[in-house]
Every structure is written in C-alpha cells, then in structure tokens.
Amino acid sequence: MSTPDLSSAIAQRIAASLSRQGMMTHLDVKLLRVEKGEVEVALPFGDKVTQQQGGFHGGAIGALADIAGGYAGLTVLPEGMEIVTAEYKINFLSGHQQGELRAVGKVAKGGKRIIVTTVEVFHIDAQGKKSMCAVMQQTLVPVPQTY
C-alpha cells in the first residue's frame, strides 16, 4: 500500500490527535485518508483484536468505527474544538479472521451542537477481497479542546 498523503492541516491535526489515543495506538490503528467530512482508518488482524473463536472482536470493530466517525466529525469543526461520542448504534454483518479492517466515516449532518456520522466497516483479505463487516450511525458532541 502506498503511503497516504496526510499533509493537509486537518489531516495533521487528526494524526496528532490519534497519536494521543492510547487504545488506538495499542490496537495499531492507522490513519489512511482524511478529507473534509470523511476519514478512513485501518486495523490489522492480530492477537490484540480477537475474540474466543479467533475472529475480530466486536469491541475492536466498534472502536474502529467510533474513531472513523469521530474523526470525520472533527474535520468539520474549527481549530480548538474536539468531539466526544454521545451515542452509536452498530450492526455487525459478518465475522472475519486475518487480513485487516477498514472503516470509512462520513458526516451525514454537521452542526454546532451535534454531528451525525455514518460508518461502513470492511474486511479486506490477503487476496484483496473486500467484504462489508459492519455499519454504524453515531452522534457526536463538539467540545472545547483541553490539551
């Protein structure tokens, strides 16, 4: 895979924020793409993300979807603001092992008080086959940045 272009100011802002997240660092989540209103992240398969049957754990899938949607929401906020998740609803569509997961978060409605995003999570196997894994809808609340 080629190195993503994360040179824009918003991409750098999101990359810096992602690096501050211990859980995302622990899970080896990678930032792949940032555009206004849309963010894509990846989660490689490994021991840190499995459930008892050897597949990706639903909690890891949910965390990946949450971060993709959250950062998509952040792309529509001014400097000095952050977001927190107020709620999300996720549907798991299929289970997978090996490969990686990619989550694409998109802003459905950006506002001053709430932001609504949708996220699609895909599994990509060793041959490059892409399969829908989960879908999520999320409500975010803008908050002042405190760091």
C-alpha atoms as a PDB file:
ATOM      1  CA  MET A   1       0.000   0.000   0.000  1.00  0.00           C
ATOM      2  CA  SER A   2       1.297   3.473  -0.799  1.00  0.00           C
ATOM      3  CA  THR A   3       1.867   5.997   1.953  1.00  0.00           C
ATOM      4  CA  PRO A   4      -1.212   8.200   2.345  1.00  0.00           C
ATOM      5  CA  ASP A   5      -0.914  11.947   1.811  1.00  0.00           C
ATOM      6  CA  LEU A   6      -1.651  13.379   5.224  1.00  0.00           C
ATOM      7  CA  SER A   7      -0.064  16.778   4.588  1.00  0.00           C
ATOM      8  CA  SER A   8      -3.185  18.942   4.925  1.00  0.00           C
ATOM      9  CA  ALA A   9      -3.662  20.881   8.155  1.00  0.00           C
ATOM     10  CA  ILE A  10      -6.760  18.880   9.121  1.00  0.00           C
ATOM     11  CA  ALA A  11      -5.018  15.564   8.405  1.00  0.00           C
ATOM     12  CA  GLN A  12      -2.085  16.615  10.580  1.00  0.00           C
ATOM     13  CA  ARG A  13      -4.494  17.680  13.327  1.00  0.00           C
ATOM     14  CA  ILE A  14      -6.242  14.304  13.213  1.00  0.00           C
ATOM     15  CA  ALA A  15      -2.961  12.366  13.071  1.00  0.00           C
ATOM     16  CA  ALA A  16      -1.736  14.257  16.154  1.00  0.00           C
ATOM     17  CA  SER A  17      -4.988  13.529  17.982  1.00  0.00           C
ATOM     18  CA  LEU A  18      -4.876   9.844  17.006  1.00  0.00           C
ATOM     19  CA  SER A  19      -1.330   9.534  18.344  1.00  0.00           C
ATOM     20  CA  ARG A  20      -2.618  10.728  21.756  1.00  0.00           C
ATOM     21  CA  GLN A  21      -5.126   7.866  21.962  1.00  0.00           C
ATOM     22  CA  GLY A  22      -3.591   5.005  23.929  1.00  0.00           C
ATOM     23  CA  MET A  23      -6.200   2.467  22.873  1.00  0.00           C
ATOM     24  CA  MET A  24      -5.838   3.219  19.164  1.00  0.00           C
ATOM     25  CA  THR A  25      -2.039   3.094  19.469  1.00  0.00           C
ATOM     26  CA  HIS A  26      -2.293  -0.221  21.346  1.00  0.00           C
ATOM     27  CA  LEU A  27      -4.505  -1.683  18.610  1.00  0.00           C
ATOM     28  CA  ASP A  28      -2.166  -0.406  15.829  1.00  0.00           C
ATOM     29  CA  VAL A  29      -4.909   1.655  14.150  1.00  0.00           C
ATOM     30  CA  LYS A  30      -3.586   3.540  11.127  1.00  0.00           C
ATOM     31  CA  LEU A  31      -4.912   6.740   9.583  1.00  0.00           C
ATOM     32  CA  LEU A  32      -5.298   6.196   5.820  1.00  0.00           C
ATOM     33  CA  ARG A  33      -7.237   9.132   4.416  1.00  0.00           C
ATOM     34  CA  VAL A  34      -8.631  12.482   5.537  1.00  0.00           C
ATOM     35  CA  GLU A  35     -10.973  14.723   3.550  1.00  0.00           C
ATOM     36  CA  LYS A  36     -13.478  17.274   4.769  1.00  0.00           C
ATOM     37  CA  GLY A  37     -16.361  15.201   6.125  1.00  0.00           C
ATOM     38  CA  GLU A  38     -14.677  11.818   5.596  1.00  0.00           C
ATOM     39  CA  VAL A  39     -11.952   9.757   7.285  1.00  0.00           C
ATOM     40  CA  GLU A  40     -10.644   6.240   6.644  1.00  0.00           C
ATOM     41  CA  VAL A  41      -8.734   4.174   9.201  1.00  0.00           C
ATOM     42  CA  ALA A  42      -7.362   0.615   9.239  1.00  0.00           C
ATOM     43  CA  LEU A  43      -6.998  -2.084  11.891  1.00  0.00           C
ATOM     44  CA  PRO A  44      -4.698  -5.052  11.206  1.00  0.00           C
ATOM     45  CA  PHE A  45      -5.599  -8.521  12.429  1.00  0.00           C
ATOM     46  CA  GLY A  46      -3.615  -9.736  15.428  1.00  0.00           C
ATOM     47  CA  ASP A  47      -3.804 -11.110  18.964  1.00  0.00           C
ATOM     48  CA  LYS A  48      -4.911  -7.734  20.372  1.00  0.00           C
ATOM     49  CA  VAL A  49      -8.212  -7.715  18.450  1.00  0.00           C
ATOM     50  CA  THR A  50      -9.523 -11.306  18.594  1.00  0.00           C
ATOM     51  CA  GLN A  51     -12.419 -12.925  20.375  1.00  0.00           C
ATOM     52  CA  GLN A  52     -12.563 -16.507  21.681  1.00  0.00           C
ATOM     53  CA  GLN A  53     -13.225 -18.052  18.245  1.00  0.00           C
ATOM     54  CA  GLY A  54     -10.284 -16.295  16.594  1.00  0.00           C
ATOM     55  CA  GLY A  55     -12.153 -13.593  14.699  1.00  0.00           C
ATOM     56  CA  PHE A  56     -12.097  -9.817  15.041  1.00  0.00           C
ATOM     57  CA  HIS A  57     -13.740  -8.868  18.355  1.00  0.00           C
ATOM     58  CA  GLY A  58     -16.892  -6.760  18.158  1.00  0.00           C
ATOM     59  CA  GLY A  59     -15.382  -4.300  20.630  1.00  0.00           C
ATOM     60  CA  ALA A  60     -12.415  -3.735  18.333  1.00  0.00           C
ATOM     61  CA  ILE A  61     -14.746  -3.299  15.353  1.00  0.00           C
ATOM     62  CA  GLY A  62     -16.841  -0.826  17.337  1.00  0.00           C
ATOM     63  CA  ALA A  63     -13.757   1.102  18.456  1.00  0.00           C
ATOM     64  CA  LEU A  64     -12.525   1.346  14.865  1.00  0.00           C
ATOM     65  CA  ALA A  65     -15.923   2.552  13.642  1.00  0.00           C
ATOM     66  CA  ASP A  66     -16.147   5.047  16.511  1.00  0.00           C
ATOM     67  CA  ILE A  67     -12.762   6.568  15.695  1.00  0.00           C
ATOM     68  CA  ALA A  68     -13.504   6.788  11.947  1.00  0.00           C
ATOM     69  CA  GLY A  69     -16.824   8.543  12.552  1.00  0.00           C
ATOM     70  CA  GLY A  70     -15.409  10.749  15.278  1.00  0.00           C
ATOM     71  CA  TYR A  71     -12.566  11.978  13.154  1.00  0.00           C
ATOM     72  CA  ALA A  72     -14.873  12.521  10.187  1.00  0.00           C
ATOM     73  CA  GLY A  73     -16.869  14.769  12.513  1.00  0.00           C
ATOM     74  CA  LEU A  74     -13.726  16.578  13.621  1.00  0.00           C
ATOM     75  CA  THR A  75     -12.986  17.564  10.009  1.00  0.00           C
ATOM     76  CA  VAL A  76     -15.975  19.933  10.039  1.00  0.00           C
ATOM     77  CA  LEU A  77     -15.053  21.660  13.311  1.00  0.00           C
ATOM     78  CA  PRO A  78     -12.804  24.694  13.739  1.00  0.00           C
ATOM     79  CA  GLU A  79      -9.361  24.578  15.340  1.00  0.00           C
ATOM     80  CA  GLY A  80      -9.598  24.452  19.139  1.00  0.00           C
ATOM     81  CA  MET A  81     -12.555  22.076  19.147  1.00  0.00           C
ATOM     82  CA  GLU A  82     -12.709  18.315  19.726  1.00  0.00           C
ATOM     83  CA  ILE A  83     -15.555  15.832  19.705  1.00  0.00           C
ATOM     84  CA  VAL A  84     -16.903  13.225  22.079  1.00  0.00           C
ATOM     85  CA  THR A  85     -19.242  10.393  21.182  1.00  0.00           C
ATOM     86  CA  ALA A  86     -22.704  10.713  22.708  1.00  0.00           C
ATOM     87  CA  GLU A  87     -24.141   7.564  21.125  1.00  0.00           C
ATOM     88  CA  TYR A  88     -23.643   4.991  18.436  1.00  0.00           C
ATOM     89  CA  LYS A  89     -25.566   2.085  17.012  1.00  0.00           C
ATOM     90  CA  ILE A  90     -23.615  -0.608  15.221  1.00  0.00           C
ATOM     91  CA  ASN A  91     -24.782  -3.603  13.222  1.00  0.00           C
ATOM     92  CA  PHE A  92     -22.317  -6.457  12.759  1.00  0.00           C
ATOM     93  CA  LEU A  93     -22.920  -8.050   9.365  1.00  0.00           C
ATOM     94  CA  SER A  94     -20.223 -10.725   9.166  1.00  0.00           C
ATOM     95  CA  GLY A  95     -17.286 -12.111  11.107  1.00  0.00           C
ATOM     96  CA  HIS A  96     -13.735 -12.333   9.758  1.00  0.00           C
ATOM     97  CA  GLN A  97     -10.252 -13.544  10.592  1.00  0.00           C
ATOM     98  CA  GLN A  98      -6.861 -12.436   9.290  1.00  0.00           C
ATOM     99  CA  GLY A  99      -6.449  -9.512   6.863  1.00  0.00           C
ATOM    100  CA  GLU A 100      -7.456  -6.078   8.066  1.00  0.00           C
ATOM    101  CA  LEU A 101     -10.496  -3.968   8.724  1.00  0.00           C
ATOM    102  CA  ARG A 102     -11.034  -0.557   7.188  1.00  0.00           C
ATOM    103  CA  ALA A 103     -13.606   1.892   8.452  1.00  0.00           C
ATOM    104  CA  VAL A 104     -14.827   4.859   6.426  1.00  0.00           C
ATOM    105  CA  GLY A 105     -16.593   7.535   8.466  1.00  0.00           C
ATOM    106  CA  LYS A 106     -18.711  10.183   6.745  1.00  0.00           C
ATOM    107  CA  VAL A 107     -20.504  13.209   8.144  1.00  0.00           C
ATOM    108  CA  ALA A 108     -24.226  12.921   7.469  1.00  0.00           C
ATOM    109  CA  LYS A 109     -25.096  16.173   9.297  1.00  0.00           C
ATOM    110  CA  GLY A 110     -22.651  18.671  10.736  1.00  0.00           C
ATOM    111  CA  GLY A 111     -23.939  21.144  13.274  1.00  0.00           C
ATOM    112  CA  LYS A 112     -22.888  23.397  16.141  1.00  0.00           C
ATOM    113  CA  ARG A 113     -24.420  21.214  18.858  1.00  0.00           C
ATOM    114  CA  ILE A 114     -24.372  17.731  17.347  1.00  0.00           C
ATOM    115  CA  ILE A 115     -22.783  15.970  14.427  1.00  0.00           C
ATOM    116  CA  VAL A 116     -24.214  12.761  12.967  1.00  0.00           C
ATOM    117  CA  THR A 117     -21.948  10.368  11.101  1.00  0.00           C
ATOM    118  CA  THR A 118     -22.296   7.046   9.332  1.00  0.00           C
ATOM    119  CA  VAL A 119     -19.523   4.467   9.147  1.00  0.00           C
ATOM    120  CA  GLU A 120     -19.013   1.428   6.966  1.00  0.00           C
ATOM    121  CA  VAL A 121     -16.512  -1.186   8.112  1.00  0.00           C
ATOM    122  CA  PHE A 122     -14.996  -3.520   5.533  1.00  0.00           C
ATOM    123  CA  HIS A 123     -12.803  -6.602   5.857  1.00  0.00           C
ATOM    124  CA  ILE A 124     -10.002  -6.956   3.327  1.00  0.00           C
ATOM    125  CA  ASP A 125      -8.477 -10.435   2.997  1.00  0.00           C
ATOM    126  CA  ALA A 126      -4.983 -11.417   1.828  1.00  0.00           C
ATOM    127  CA  GLN A 127      -6.158 -11.501  -1.800  1.00  0.00           C
ATOM    128  CA  GLY A 128      -7.633  -8.007  -1.560  1.00  0.00           C
ATOM    129  CA  LYS A 129     -11.264  -9.147  -1.481  1.00  0.00           C
ATOM    130  CA  LYS A 130     -13.403  -6.508   0.251  1.00  0.00           C
ATOM    131  CA  SER A 131     -16.452  -7.594   2.316  1.00  0.00           C
ATOM    132  CA  MET A 132     -18.843  -5.415   4.330  1.00  0.00           C
ATOM    133  CA  CYS A 133     -18.383  -6.236   8.008  1.00  0.00           C
ATOM    134  CA  ALA A 134     -20.397  -3.639   9.962  1.00  0.00           C
ATOM    135  CA  VAL A 135     -22.346  -0.397   9.659  1.00  0.00           C
ATOM    136  CA  MET A 136     -22.718   2.270  12.302  1.00  0.00           C
ATOM    137  CA  GLN A 137     -24.559   5.535  12.942  1.00  0.00           C
ATOM    138  CA  GLN A 138     -23.096   7.885  15.510  1.00  0.00           C
ATOM    139  CA  THR A 139     -23.962  11.107  17.327  1.00  0.00           C
ATOM    140  CA  LEU A 140     -21.065  13.369  18.319  1.00  0.00           C
ATOM    141  CA  VAL A 141     -20.942  16.450  20.544  1.00  0.00           C
ATOM    142  CA  PRO A 142     -18.404  19.232  19.858  1.00  0.00           C
ATOM    143  CA  VAL A 143     -16.407  20.235  22.943  1.00  0.00           C
ATOM    144  CA  PRO A 144     -13.502  22.645  23.530  1.00  0.00           C
ATOM    145  CA  GLN A 145     -10.047  21.120  23.182  1.00  0.00           C
ATOM    146  CA  THR A 146      -8.427  20.903  26.639  1.00  0.00           C
ATOM    147  CA  TYR A 147      -4.848  19.998  25.775  1.00  0.00           C
END
